[in-house]
Amino acid sequence: MRRFPFPFMAETHGGTVGIGGTTVLPQPKSAIANVPFVTHGAADPAELEAWGLDPEEVVDFSVNDNPYGPSPAVTRALASVPAHRYPDREARALRRALSARLGVGPERIVAGNGASELLWLVALGYIRSRDTVMIVGPTFGEYERVARLMGARVQFWRARAETGFAVDPDGVAAVLDTVRPAVVFLCTPNNPTGTLVPTDVIARWARAHPACLFVVDESYFEFAAYRLAGLRSAIELDLDNILVIRSLTKLYGLAGLRLGYAVAPPQVVAVLHRVAPPWHVNAVAQAAGVAALTDEAHVGRSLARVWDACDKFRRGLETLGLAPLPSATHFFLLDVGDGAAWRRRLLRYGLVVRDCASFGLPQYIRLATRREEENERLLATLARERRRAT
């Protein structure tokens, strides 16, 4: 009997009988064997059930979103969506709203079923088998996943803890010059480190490698821009080989609806439209996005409260003798020695933190700022558990 190279496949009844009576079953593409399973934040319902935890009582510090949720305008908009009609496959109302907010033409914008889907569309449109894809890490695992799904070779440049996970422009440039990638993925502010890559650095890389598509993930840009006056987006560079991805689920509190967008030159947007499934952004998500963009007052209040809570949260951790790493955004890394062990300890109390082993950082957890009273609950639990450990 033929041996199956993929651990998730099993022998089944049926199939085609080949020479010598061997059963030949459908086989996936060979590249699938190299595709990693990606760990994400957010409390998993099955895990909570196994621990006997009520999801309504859990506080999730592993998701980097707006803890104050969506605008009331979103709730009102959802009630008016006709469920029997197909959504606008071009998401024109949403793209026009984004165009007005960003100051770019709607022909430069494509909507997606979350930022993650946009990464898949980039991969489908621009990554060929045996291409080299470069990733600036440690960072979001979906970049590697979509590249390997296409059969690409993946080359990492990784920032180091010794330098505060700062990106070295010359170090990245040296790898770019050596491997000549087809696509580069970088995240700024970066997940999970919260570090920034200046736009002039991105522009220098992109101009030196015009045949390479630079995919700049700015899912957390607005969180950083609230604090850093004059912070520039890569959207402003307006270069033919830069595509910027933004999330509408993080700041606007729409994670359950899945919504994001990309800004790129019209010829790149046309490619993403061509490879996207029809009606890939549902009508509810489109309506929610338009409504959320109309309520900037809610966003402003949320950001002010998040950053005030973040400052207090970090001071509380420092009072406990812990050292949260510097971050340009409202989430940050915390060295606890064994991230997985501390995740388990805190989960017993209904507190979910992000174990960073999947980023190659097993000694860290990532904490996203929640509401002030929720942060206080985590601080109290950490203080109690640390006393028990001594």
Protein backbone atom coordinates (compact mmCIF):
# COMPACT_ATOMS: atom_id res chain seq x y z
CA MET A 1 0.00 0.00 0.00
CA ARG A 2 1.26 3.44 -0.89
CA ARG A 3 2.57 5.57 1.94
CA PHE A 4 1.00 8.98 2.24
CA PRO A 5 3.42 11.86 2.81
CA PHE A 6 0.89 14.20 4.45
CA PRO A 7 0.13 13.61 8.14
CA PHE A 8 -3.44 14.88 7.82
CA MET A 9 -4.31 12.28 5.12
CA ALA A 10 -5.59 8.79 5.88
CA GLU A 11 -6.28 5.72 3.80
CA THR A 12 -9.94 5.47 2.80
CA HIS A 13 -12.19 2.99 1.07
CA GLY A 14 -12.66 3.51 -2.66
CA GLY A 15 -10.23 5.36 -4.89
CA THR A 16 -8.68 4.20 -8.12
CA VAL A 17 -6.95 0.81 -8.19
CA GLY A 18 -3.62 1.10 -9.92
CA ILE A 19 -1.02 -1.40 -11.12
CA GLY A 20 -0.53 -4.25 -8.67
CA GLY A 21 -3.74 -3.48 -6.82
CA THR A 22 -2.38 -0.29 -5.17
CA THR A 23 -5.11 2.18 -4.20
CA VAL A 24 -4.34 5.64 -5.57
CA LEU A 25 -6.13 8.41 -3.71
CA PRO A 26 -6.39 12.12 -4.56
CA GLN A 27 -3.23 13.93 -3.51
CA PRO A 28 -2.84 17.62 -2.63
CA LYS A 29 -0.19 19.81 -4.18
CA SER A 30 3.29 19.00 -2.94
CA ALA A 31 3.71 22.57 -1.63
CA ILE A 32 1.01 21.89 0.98
CA ALA A 33 3.47 19.76 2.96
CA ASN A 34 5.54 22.88 3.66
CA VAL A 35 2.63 25.09 4.73
CA PRO A 36 2.79 25.87 8.45
CA PHE A 37 -0.23 25.95 10.70
CA VAL A 38 -0.41 29.51 11.98
CA THR A 39 -1.26 30.30 15.59
CA HIS A 40 -3.36 33.40 16.11
CA GLY A 41 -4.58 35.45 19.02
CA ALA A 42 -8.21 35.43 20.25
CA ALA A 43 -9.72 33.00 22.70
CA ASP A 44 -10.59 29.68 21.08
CA PRO A 45 -14.14 28.52 21.94
CA ALA A 46 -13.11 24.85 22.07
CA GLU A 47 -10.26 25.63 24.46
CA LEU A 48 -12.49 27.70 26.72
CA GLU A 49 -15.03 24.87 26.79
CA ALA A 50 -12.32 22.38 27.73
CA TRP A 51 -11.29 24.63 30.62
CA GLY A 52 -14.90 25.10 31.71
CA LEU A 53 -14.72 28.86 31.12
CA ASP A 54 -17.68 31.06 30.23
CA PRO A 55 -16.68 33.11 27.15
CA GLU A 56 -18.60 36.08 28.54
CA GLU A 57 -16.41 36.09 31.64
CA VAL A 58 -13.10 35.84 29.77
CA VAL A 59 -10.91 38.89 29.18
CA ASP A 60 -8.85 38.51 26.04
CA PHE A 61 -5.51 40.32 26.05
CA SER A 62 -4.37 38.33 23.01
CA VAL A 63 -6.36 40.38 20.47
CA ASN A 64 -4.99 43.76 19.39
CA ASP A 65 -8.31 45.49 18.79
CA ASN A 66 -10.32 48.40 20.14
CA PRO A 67 -11.60 47.24 23.56
CA TYR A 68 -14.46 49.73 23.36
CA GLY A 69 -16.01 48.02 20.37
CA PRO A 70 -17.72 49.42 17.30
CA SER A 71 -19.56 52.69 16.93
CA PRO A 72 -23.30 52.68 17.69
CA ALA A 73 -23.67 53.76 14.06
CA VAL A 74 -22.52 50.28 13.05
CA THR A 75 -25.30 48.61 15.04
CA ARG A 76 -27.87 50.84 13.39
CA ALA A 77 -26.45 50.17 9.92
CA LEU A 78 -26.55 46.41 10.38
CA ALA A 79 -30.29 46.47 10.97
CA SER A 80 -30.87 48.04 7.55
CA VAL A 81 -28.95 45.53 5.41
CA PRO A 82 -31.27 43.54 3.09
CA ALA A 83 -30.17 39.94 3.57
CA HIS A 84 -31.81 38.76 0.34
CA ARG A 85 -29.69 40.93 -1.94
CA TYR A 86 -26.23 40.15 -3.22
CA PRO A 87 -23.55 42.55 -1.99
CA ASP A 88 -21.89 45.02 -4.34
CA ARG A 89 -19.02 42.92 -5.66
CA GLU A 90 -16.91 46.08 -6.07
CA ALA A 91 -17.76 47.50 -2.61
CA ARG A 92 -18.17 50.91 -4.22
CA ALA A 93 -19.77 52.74 -1.28
CA LEU A 94 -17.05 51.50 1.07
CA ARG A 95 -14.29 52.37 -1.38
CA ARG A 96 -15.72 55.85 -1.85
CA ALA A 97 -15.84 56.35 1.92
CA LEU A 98 -12.24 55.19 2.23
CA SER A 99 -11.23 57.40 -0.70
CA ALA A 100 -12.63 60.46 1.05
CA ARG A 101 -10.89 59.59 4.30
CA LEU A 102 -7.50 58.75 2.80
CA GLY A 103 -7.36 61.30 0.01
CA VAL A 104 -6.68 58.74 -2.71
CA GLY A 105 -8.82 57.76 -5.67
CA PRO A 106 -11.18 54.77 -5.30
CA GLU A 107 -9.40 53.12 -8.24
CA ARG A 108 -6.45 52.67 -5.88
CA ILE A 109 -8.50 50.84 -3.22
CA VAL A 110 -9.65 47.23 -3.00
CA ALA A 111 -11.75 45.89 -0.13
CA GLY A 112 -11.18 42.47 1.36
CA ASN A 113 -12.66 39.94 3.76
CA GLY A 114 -10.19 41.05 6.41
CA ALA A 115 -6.54 41.90 5.93
CA SER A 116 -5.75 38.18 5.80
CA GLU A 117 -7.77 37.65 2.63
CA LEU A 118 -5.89 40.49 0.97
CA LEU A 119 -2.64 38.64 1.69
CA TRP A 120 -4.07 35.60 -0.10
CA LEU A 121 -5.05 37.76 -3.07
CA VAL A 122 -1.52 39.15 -3.24
CA ALA A 123 -0.16 35.62 -3.21
CA LEU A 124 -2.54 34.46 -5.94
CA GLY A 125 -1.71 37.43 -8.13
CA TYR A 126 2.02 37.90 -7.58
CA ILE A 127 3.76 34.84 -6.10
CA ARG A 128 4.84 32.07 -8.45
CA SER A 129 6.15 28.64 -7.61
CA ARG A 130 9.86 28.82 -6.73
CA ASP A 131 9.79 32.62 -6.37
CA THR A 132 11.69 33.99 -3.40
CA VAL A 133 9.56 35.85 -0.86
CA MET A 134 11.23 37.90 1.85
CA ILE A 135 9.66 38.49 5.27
CA VAL A 136 10.87 41.02 7.82
CA GLY A 137 10.37 39.28 11.15
CA PRO A 138 9.54 38.22 13.75
CA THR A 139 6.04 38.93 12.55
CA PHE A 140 2.54 37.79 11.56
CA GLY A 141 2.58 34.14 10.47
CA GLU A 142 0.18 34.44 7.54
CA TYR A 143 2.87 36.03 5.35
CA GLU A 144 4.88 32.82 5.38
CA ARG A 145 1.77 30.69 5.02
CA VAL A 146 0.51 32.33 1.83
CA ALA A 147 4.00 32.29 0.32
CA ARG A 148 4.47 28.57 0.95
CA LEU A 149 1.00 27.80 -0.37
CA MET A 150 2.20 29.18 -3.69
CA GLY A 151 5.32 27.01 -3.58
CA ALA A 152 7.65 29.95 -2.94
CA ARG A 153 10.97 29.94 -1.14
CA VAL A 154 10.88 32.06 2.02
CA GLN A 155 13.81 34.17 3.18
CA PHE A 156 13.59 35.83 6.61
CA TRP A 157 15.40 38.83 7.98
CA ARG A 158 14.80 38.79 11.73
CA ALA A 159 15.20 41.63 14.20
CA ARG A 160 16.87 40.72 17.48
CA ALA A 161 15.86 41.24 21.09
CA GLU A 162 19.30 42.73 21.82
CA THR A 163 18.43 45.74 19.65
CA GLY A 164 14.86 46.09 20.90
CA PHE A 165 13.62 44.34 17.75
CA ALA A 166 14.45 47.44 15.73
CA VAL A 167 14.67 46.89 11.98
CA ASP A 168 18.15 47.48 10.58
CA PRO A 169 17.69 49.21 7.18
CA ASP A 170 21.12 48.22 5.94
CA GLY A 171 20.72 44.63 7.09
CA VAL A 172 17.43 44.29 5.23
CA ALA A 173 18.91 46.01 2.17
CA ALA A 174 21.79 43.53 2.09
CA VAL A 175 19.37 40.58 2.02
CA LEU A 176 17.27 42.29 -0.66
CA ASP A 177 20.35 42.72 -2.82
CA THR A 178 21.32 39.09 -2.34
CA VAL A 179 18.06 37.20 -2.81
CA ARG A 180 16.18 39.60 -5.17
CA PRO A 181 12.72 38.61 -3.93
CA ALA A 182 9.53 38.82 -5.97
CA VAL A 183 7.55 40.00 -2.93
CA VAL A 184 8.48 41.46 0.46
CA PHE A 185 6.14 41.40 3.46
CA LEU A 186 6.67 43.80 6.33
CA CYS A 187 4.40 45.03 9.10
CA THR A 188 4.61 48.52 10.63
CA PRO A 189 3.82 48.93 13.46
CA ASN A 190 4.93 45.35 13.64
CA ASN A 191 3.00 42.52 15.21
CA PRO A 192 4.13 41.41 17.81
CA THR A 193 6.97 43.84 18.58
CA GLY A 194 5.25 47.20 18.02
CA THR A 195 8.28 48.56 16.14
CA LEU A 196 8.05 50.96 13.20
CA VAL A 197 9.83 51.08 9.85
CA PRO A 198 10.16 54.69 8.64
CA THR A 199 8.56 55.40 5.27
CA ASP A 200 11.78 56.87 3.86
CA VAL A 201 13.46 53.51 4.52
CA ILE A 202 10.65 51.63 2.77
CA ALA A 203 10.89 54.05 -0.17
CA ARG A 204 14.63 53.49 -0.45
CA TRP A 205 14.18 49.70 -0.55
CA ALA A 206 11.33 49.93 -3.07
CA ARG A 207 13.18 52.28 -5.42
CA ALA A 208 16.25 50.03 -5.36
CA HIS A 209 14.11 47.00 -6.30
CA PRO A 210 11.40 48.16 -8.72
CA ALA A 211 10.54 44.60 -9.84
CA CYS A 212 9.70 43.56 -6.28
CA LEU A 213 6.25 44.15 -4.77
CA PHE A 214 6.52 45.53 -1.23
CA VAL A 215 3.47 44.58 0.83
CA VAL A 216 3.31 46.92 3.82
CA ASP A 217 0.87 45.82 6.50
CA GLU A 218 -0.35 48.89 8.39
CA SER A 219 -3.16 47.19 10.31
CA TYR A 220 -2.21 49.09 13.49
CA PHE A 221 -1.21 52.38 11.89
CA GLU A 222 -3.99 54.50 13.41
CA PHE A 223 -3.17 53.34 16.93
CA ALA A 224 0.41 54.58 16.50
CA ALA A 225 -0.50 57.74 14.57
CA TYR A 226 -2.68 58.95 17.44
CA ARG A 227 0.42 59.24 19.63
CA LEU A 228 3.09 60.03 17.05
CA ALA A 229 2.34 63.36 15.40
CA GLY A 230 3.47 63.43 11.80
CA LEU A 231 3.76 59.66 11.42
CA ARG A 232 3.70 59.00 7.68
CA SER A 233 1.98 56.10 5.98
CA ALA A 234 3.49 54.19 3.09
CA ILE A 235 0.32 55.16 1.21
CA GLU A 236 1.84 58.63 0.81
CA LEU A 237 4.81 57.23 -1.11
CA ASP A 238 2.61 56.48 -4.14
CA LEU A 239 5.15 54.12 -5.69
CA ASP A 240 4.27 51.56 -8.37
CA ASN A 241 5.61 48.63 -6.34
CA ILE A 242 4.12 49.36 -2.91
CA LEU A 243 0.84 47.89 -1.70
CA VAL A 244 -0.43 48.93 1.74
CA ILE A 245 -2.84 46.75 3.69
CA ARG A 246 -5.05 48.14 6.43
CA SER A 247 -7.51 46.41 8.75
CA LEU A 248 -10.94 47.78 9.57
CA THR A 249 -11.49 45.12 12.24
CA LYS A 250 -8.90 46.31 14.77
CA LEU A 251 -9.55 50.01 15.35
CA TYR A 252 -13.21 49.91 14.38
CA GLY A 253 -14.11 46.81 16.41
CA LEU A 254 -15.38 44.70 13.50
CA ALA A 255 -13.41 41.47 13.99
CA GLY A 256 -16.49 39.25 13.73
CA LEU A 257 -17.39 40.73 10.33
CA ARG A 258 -13.93 40.48 8.70
CA LEU A 259 -13.10 43.64 6.79
CA GLY A 260 -9.95 45.26 5.46
CA TYR A 261 -8.63 47.11 2.44
CA ALA A 262 -5.52 47.61 0.37
CA VAL A 263 -4.21 50.76 -1.29
CA ALA A 264 -2.02 50.26 -4.34
CA PRO A 265 -1.45 51.54 -7.88
CA PRO A 266 -4.49 50.92 -10.14
CA GLN A 267 -2.71 48.18 -12.09
CA VAL A 268 -2.03 46.25 -8.86
CA VAL A 269 -5.61 46.76 -7.64
CA ALA A 270 -6.83 45.38 -10.99
CA VAL A 271 -4.86 42.17 -10.39
CA LEU A 272 -6.34 41.71 -6.92
CA HIS A 273 -9.85 42.25 -8.30
CA ARG A 274 -9.18 39.65 -10.97
CA VAL A 275 -8.13 36.90 -8.56
CA ALA A 276 -10.73 37.68 -5.85
CA PRO A 277 -13.82 35.47 -5.55
CA PRO A 278 -17.08 37.17 -6.47
CA TRP A 279 -18.95 38.82 -3.58
CA HIS A 280 -16.01 38.18 -1.26
CA VAL A 281 -16.95 41.10 1.03
CA ASN A 282 -20.46 40.53 2.32
CA ALA A 283 -23.13 43.22 2.48
CA VAL A 284 -23.15 43.36 6.29
CA ALA A 285 -19.40 43.99 6.43
CA GLN A 286 -19.60 46.67 3.73
CA ALA A 287 -22.42 48.51 5.53
CA ALA A 288 -20.58 48.26 8.85
CA GLY A 289 -17.42 49.68 7.31
CA VAL A 290 -19.20 52.67 5.80
CA ALA A 291 -20.98 53.40 9.10
CA ALA A 292 -17.78 53.04 11.15
CA LEU A 293 -15.95 55.49 8.92
CA THR A 294 -18.64 58.14 9.49
CA ASP A 295 -18.14 58.17 13.27
CA GLU A 296 -14.67 59.58 13.77
CA ALA A 297 -15.73 60.95 17.17
CA HIS A 298 -16.11 57.39 18.48
CA VAL A 299 -12.69 56.47 17.12
CA GLY A 300 -11.10 59.53 18.72
CA ARG A 301 -12.66 58.81 22.11
CA SER A 302 -11.62 55.18 21.90
CA LEU A 303 -8.01 56.00 21.07
CA ALA A 304 -7.76 58.53 23.89
CA ARG A 305 -9.11 56.01 26.39
CA VAL A 306 -6.95 53.16 25.06
CA TRP A 307 -3.74 55.14 25.31
CA ASP A 308 -4.60 56.44 28.79
CA ALA A 309 -5.28 52.87 29.88
CA CYS A 310 -2.09 51.67 28.17
CA ASP A 311 0.08 54.12 30.09
CA LYS A 312 -1.44 53.01 33.40
CA PHE A 313 -1.19 49.36 32.41
CA ARG A 314 2.51 49.60 31.61
CA ARG A 315 3.20 51.50 34.86
CA GLY A 316 1.34 48.79 36.78
CA LEU A 317 3.49 46.07 35.19
CA GLU A 318 6.66 47.99 36.02
CA THR A 319 5.51 48.31 39.64
CA LEU A 320 5.38 44.50 39.72
CA GLY A 321 9.02 44.39 38.62
CA LEU A 322 8.20 43.49 35.03
CA ALA A 323 9.61 45.25 31.96
CA PRO A 324 7.18 45.74 29.06
CA LEU A 325 9.13 46.42 25.88
CA PRO A 326 8.78 49.78 24.15
CA SER A 327 6.06 49.80 21.50
CA ALA A 328 4.61 52.34 19.09
CA THR A 329 1.16 50.91 19.60
CA HIS A 330 -1.19 49.71 22.35
CA PHE A 331 0.17 46.15 22.49
CA PHE A 332 3.64 45.14 23.62
CA LEU A 333 5.89 42.23 24.47
CA LEU A 334 6.61 41.13 28.02
CA ASP A 335 9.47 38.77 28.91
CA VAL A 336 8.11 36.24 31.42
CA GLY A 337 10.64 33.44 30.87
CA ASP A 338 8.13 30.85 29.65
CA GLY A 339 5.25 32.32 27.66
CA ALA A 340 3.33 29.06 27.29
CA ALA A 341 3.43 28.33 31.01
CA TRP A 342 2.22 31.79 31.94
CA ARG A 343 -0.54 31.59 29.36
CA ARG A 344 -1.82 28.41 31.01
CA ARG A 345 -1.56 29.90 34.51
CA LEU A 346 -3.54 32.99 33.56
CA LEU A 347 -6.12 31.09 31.54
CA ARG A 348 -7.28 29.39 34.73
CA TYR A 349 -8.54 32.80 35.82
CA GLY A 350 -10.24 33.57 32.52
CA LEU A 351 -7.41 35.79 31.28
CA VAL A 352 -6.09 35.08 27.78
CA VAL A 353 -2.64 36.32 26.76
CA ARG A 354 -0.68 35.62 23.58
CA ASP A 355 2.07 33.06 23.96
CA CYS A 356 4.71 34.21 21.47
CA ALA A 357 6.37 30.86 20.76
CA SER A 358 4.86 30.87 17.26
CA PHE A 359 6.81 34.06 16.55
CA GLY A 360 10.01 32.34 17.64
CA LEU A 361 9.87 34.20 20.97
CA PRO A 362 8.96 31.53 23.54
CA GLN A 363 10.02 33.60 26.54
CA TYR A 364 7.53 36.38 25.75
CA ILE A 365 3.83 37.00 25.98
CA ARG A 366 2.10 39.75 24.02
CA LEU A 367 -0.39 41.92 25.88
CA ALA A 368 -2.92 44.19 24.24
CA THR A 369 -4.35 47.00 26.33
CA ARG A 370 -7.95 46.42 27.39
CA ARG A 371 -10.32 48.57 29.41
CA GLU A 372 -8.82 49.96 32.58
CA GLU A 373 -10.77 47.68 34.94
CA GLU A 374 -9.78 44.64 32.87
CA ASN A 375 -6.13 45.64 32.96
CA GLU A 376 -6.39 45.95 36.74
CA ARG A 377 -7.75 42.41 36.91
CA LEU A 378 -4.72 41.07 35.05
CA LEU A 379 -2.31 43.09 37.18
CA ALA A 380 -3.84 41.73 40.38
CA THR A 381 -3.66 38.16 39.07
CA LEU A 382 -0.05 38.56 37.97
CA ALA A 383 0.89 39.96 41.38
CA ARG A 384 -0.77 37.04 43.16
CA GLU A 385 0.80 34.40 40.89
CA ARG A 386 4.25 35.93 41.14
CA ARG A 387 4.04 35.86 44.93
CA ARG A 388 3.13 32.18 44.79
CA ALA A 389 6.12 31.48 42.55
CA THR A 390 8.61 32.96 45.03
